[in-house]
């Protein structure tokens, strides 16, 4: 049911003012954790994943499929 009223201008105007005031950025940052990235080199070396690394994942998915059927 359309009343012919366009809310687009109202919302665009309001959102524009929220962005200019920095409120949207503040609320976005408010949700982020305060954790910092660890600057230490822990000496770990990256390697490719192998199927054996994902064995538990396969078992859980398989178990879920068996239970659901």
N, C-alpha and C. Protein backbone atom coordinates (compact mmCIF):
# COMPACT_ATOMS: atom_id res chain seq x y z
N UNK A 1 0.85 -1.16 0.00
CA UNK A 1 0.00 0.00 0.00
C UNK A 1 0.91 1.23 0.00
N UNK A 2 0.86 1.99 -1.05
CA UNK A 2 1.71 3.16 -1.19
C UNK A 2 0.89 4.42 -0.94
N UNK A 3 1.42 5.28 -0.09
CA UNK A 3 0.72 6.53 0.22
C UNK A 3 1.25 7.67 -0.62
N UNK A 4 2.24 7.40 -1.45
CA UNK A 4 2.81 8.44 -2.29
C UNK A 4 3.88 9.26 -1.60
N UNK A 5 4.22 8.90 -0.36
CA UNK A 5 5.24 9.64 0.40
C UNK A 5 6.59 8.99 0.16
N UNK A 6 7.54 9.80 -0.22
CA UNK A 6 8.88 9.27 -0.46
C UNK A 6 9.75 9.54 0.77
N UNK A 7 10.23 8.48 1.37
CA UNK A 7 11.10 8.61 2.53
C UNK A 7 12.57 8.71 2.13
N UNK A 8 12.84 8.56 0.85
CA UNK A 8 14.23 8.57 0.39
C UNK A 8 14.93 9.86 0.75
N UNK A 9 14.31 10.99 0.50
CA UNK A 9 14.95 12.27 0.79
C UNK A 9 15.21 12.42 2.28
N UNK A 10 14.25 12.02 3.10
CA UNK A 10 14.41 12.11 4.55
C UNK A 10 15.57 11.25 5.04
N UNK A 11 15.60 9.99 4.59
CA UNK A 11 16.66 9.09 5.03
C UNK A 11 18.02 9.52 4.49
N UNK A 12 18.09 9.92 3.23
CA UNK A 12 19.36 10.38 2.66
C UNK A 12 19.89 11.57 3.43
N UNK A 13 19.02 12.51 3.76
CA UNK A 13 19.41 13.71 4.50
C UNK A 13 19.93 13.33 5.90
N UNK A 14 19.20 12.44 6.56
CA UNK A 14 19.57 12.04 7.92
C UNK A 14 20.87 11.27 7.93
N UNK A 15 21.03 10.32 7.03
CA UNK A 15 22.25 9.52 6.97
C UNK A 15 23.44 10.39 6.60
N UNK A 16 23.24 11.34 5.72
CA UNK A 16 24.32 12.25 5.35
C UNK A 16 24.81 13.03 6.57
N UNK A 17 23.90 13.52 7.38
CA UNK A 17 24.29 14.26 8.58
C UNK A 17 24.95 13.36 9.62
N UNK A 18 24.49 12.13 9.74
CA UNK A 18 25.14 11.19 10.67
C UNK A 18 26.57 10.90 10.23
N UNK A 19 26.78 10.76 8.93
CA UNK A 19 28.14 10.51 8.43
C UNK A 19 29.03 11.72 8.64
N UNK A 20 28.51 12.90 8.36
CA UNK A 20 29.31 14.12 8.51
C UNK A 20 29.67 14.37 9.96
N UNK A 21 28.80 14.00 10.87
CA UNK A 21 29.08 14.19 12.29
C UNK A 21 30.01 13.12 12.84
N UNK A 22 30.27 12.07 12.06
CA UNK A 22 31.16 11.00 12.50
C UNK A 22 30.49 9.96 13.36
N UNK A 23 29.18 10.02 13.47
CA UNK A 23 28.46 9.09 14.34
C UNK A 23 28.49 7.67 13.77
N UNK A 24 28.36 7.55 12.47
CA UNK A 24 28.37 6.22 11.86
C UNK A 24 29.73 5.56 12.05
N UNK A 25 30.82 6.31 11.84
CA UNK A 25 32.16 5.76 12.04
C UNK A 25 32.38 5.40 13.51
N UNK A 26 31.88 6.24 14.42
CA UNK A 26 32.02 5.96 15.85
C UNK A 26 31.30 4.66 16.22
N UNK A 27 30.07 4.50 15.76
CA UNK A 27 29.31 3.29 16.07
C UNK A 27 29.97 2.06 15.45
N UNK A 28 30.55 2.21 14.28
CA UNK A 28 31.24 1.10 13.63
C UNK A 28 32.46 0.69 14.44
N UNK A 29 33.26 1.66 14.88
CA UNK A 29 34.45 1.37 15.68
C UNK A 29 34.09 0.84 17.06
N UNK A 30 32.94 1.21 17.56
CA UNK A 30 32.49 0.77 18.87
C UNK A 30 32.30 -0.74 18.91
N UNK A 31 31.94 -1.33 17.79
CA UNK A 31 31.70 -2.77 17.73
C UNK A 31 32.98 -3.57 17.57
N UNK A 32 34.08 -2.92 17.18
CA UNK A 32 35.33 -3.63 16.96
C UNK A 32 36.03 -3.90 18.28
N UNK A 33 36.75 -5.02 18.39
CA UNK A 33 37.48 -5.30 19.63
C UNK A 33 38.68 -4.36 19.79
N UNK A 34 39.12 -4.19 21.03
CA UNK A 34 40.25 -3.32 21.32
C UNK A 34 41.60 -4.04 21.17
N UNK A 35 41.59 -5.27 20.69
CA UNK A 35 42.82 -6.04 20.57
C UNK A 35 43.75 -5.43 19.54
N UNK A 36 45.04 -5.53 19.83
CA UNK A 36 46.04 -5.04 18.90
C UNK A 36 46.69 -6.21 18.20
N UNK A 37 47.20 -5.96 17.03
CA UNK A 37 47.90 -7.00 16.28
C UNK A 37 49.24 -7.24 16.96
N UNK A 38 49.58 -8.48 17.15
CA UNK A 38 50.83 -8.84 17.81
C UNK A 38 52.01 -8.47 16.93
N UNK A 39 52.90 -7.61 17.39
CA UNK A 39 54.03 -7.18 16.56
C UNK A 39 55.20 -8.17 16.59
N UNK A 40 55.14 -9.18 17.46
CA UNK A 40 56.25 -10.12 17.58
C UNK A 40 56.24 -11.14 16.46
N UNK A 41 57.42 -11.49 16.01
CA UNK A 41 57.54 -12.57 15.04
C UNK A 41 57.64 -13.86 15.84
N UNK A 42 56.61 -14.65 15.80
CA UNK A 42 56.57 -15.87 16.59
C UNK A 42 57.32 -17.02 15.94
N UNK A 43 57.85 -16.80 14.77
CA UNK A 43 58.67 -17.80 14.11
C UNK A 43 57.88 -18.91 13.46
N UNK A 44 56.59 -18.76 13.35
CA UNK A 44 55.81 -19.81 12.70
C UNK A 44 55.98 -19.71 11.19
N UNK A 45 56.03 -20.85 10.57
CA UNK A 45 56.18 -20.88 9.11
C UNK A 45 54.87 -21.38 8.52
N UNK A 46 54.46 -20.70 7.48
CA UNK A 46 53.22 -21.11 6.82
C UNK A 46 53.46 -22.35 5.99
N UNK A 47 52.47 -23.19 5.97
CA UNK A 47 52.53 -24.38 5.13
C UNK A 47 51.14 -24.64 4.58
N UNK A 48 51.09 -25.42 3.55
CA UNK A 48 49.81 -25.75 2.94
C UNK A 48 49.05 -26.72 3.82
N UNK A 49 47.72 -26.58 3.81
CA UNK A 49 46.89 -27.51 4.55
C UNK A 49 46.88 -28.87 3.86
N UNK A 50 46.85 -29.90 4.67
CA UNK A 50 46.75 -31.25 4.15
C UNK A 50 45.41 -31.83 4.58
N UNK A 51 45.00 -32.90 3.95
CA UNK A 51 43.73 -33.54 4.33
C UNK A 51 43.77 -34.00 5.77
N UNK A 52 44.93 -34.41 6.25
CA UNK A 52 45.03 -34.87 7.64
C UNK A 52 44.77 -33.72 8.62
N UNK A 53 45.06 -32.49 8.21
CA UNK A 53 44.77 -31.34 9.07
C UNK A 53 43.26 -31.13 9.23
N UNK A 54 42.50 -31.57 8.26
CA UNK A 54 41.05 -31.36 8.27
C UNK A 54 40.27 -32.61 8.65
N UNK A 55 40.95 -33.62 9.16
CA UNK A 55 40.30 -34.90 9.47
C UNK A 55 39.14 -34.72 10.45
N UNK A 56 39.35 -33.95 11.51
CA UNK A 56 38.28 -33.75 12.50
C UNK A 56 37.09 -33.03 11.87
N UNK A 57 37.36 -32.09 10.98
CA UNK A 57 36.27 -31.39 10.29
C UNK A 57 35.45 -32.37 9.47
N UNK A 58 36.14 -33.25 8.75
CA UNK A 58 35.44 -34.26 7.95
C UNK A 58 34.60 -35.16 8.84
N UNK A 59 35.14 -35.55 10.00
CA UNK A 59 34.40 -36.44 10.90
C UNK A 59 33.15 -35.75 11.45
N UNK A 60 33.26 -34.49 11.80
CA UNK A 60 32.11 -33.77 12.33
C UNK A 60 31.03 -33.60 11.27
N UNK A 61 31.43 -33.22 10.05
CA UNK A 61 30.46 -33.06 8.96
C UNK A 61 29.82 -34.40 8.63
N UNK A 62 30.62 -35.44 8.55
CA UNK A 62 30.08 -36.77 8.27
C UNK A 62 29.12 -37.23 9.35
N UNK A 63 29.48 -37.00 10.61
CA UNK A 63 28.60 -37.36 11.72
C UNK A 63 27.29 -36.59 11.66
N UNK A 64 27.38 -35.31 11.32
CA UNK A 64 26.17 -34.51 11.19
C UNK A 64 25.26 -35.01 10.08
N UNK A 65 25.87 -35.43 8.98
CA UNK A 65 25.07 -35.97 7.87
C UNK A 65 24.39 -37.27 8.26
N UNK A 66 25.12 -38.12 8.98
CA UNK A 66 24.55 -39.39 9.41
C UNK A 66 23.40 -39.16 10.39
N UNK A 67 23.60 -38.26 11.33
CA UNK A 67 22.55 -37.99 12.33
C UNK A 67 21.32 -37.37 11.68
N UNK A 68 21.53 -36.50 10.69
CA UNK A 68 20.40 -35.81 10.08
C UNK A 68 19.58 -36.70 9.15
N UNK A 69 20.14 -37.83 8.74
CA UNK A 69 19.37 -38.68 7.81
C UNK A 69 18.53 -39.70 8.51
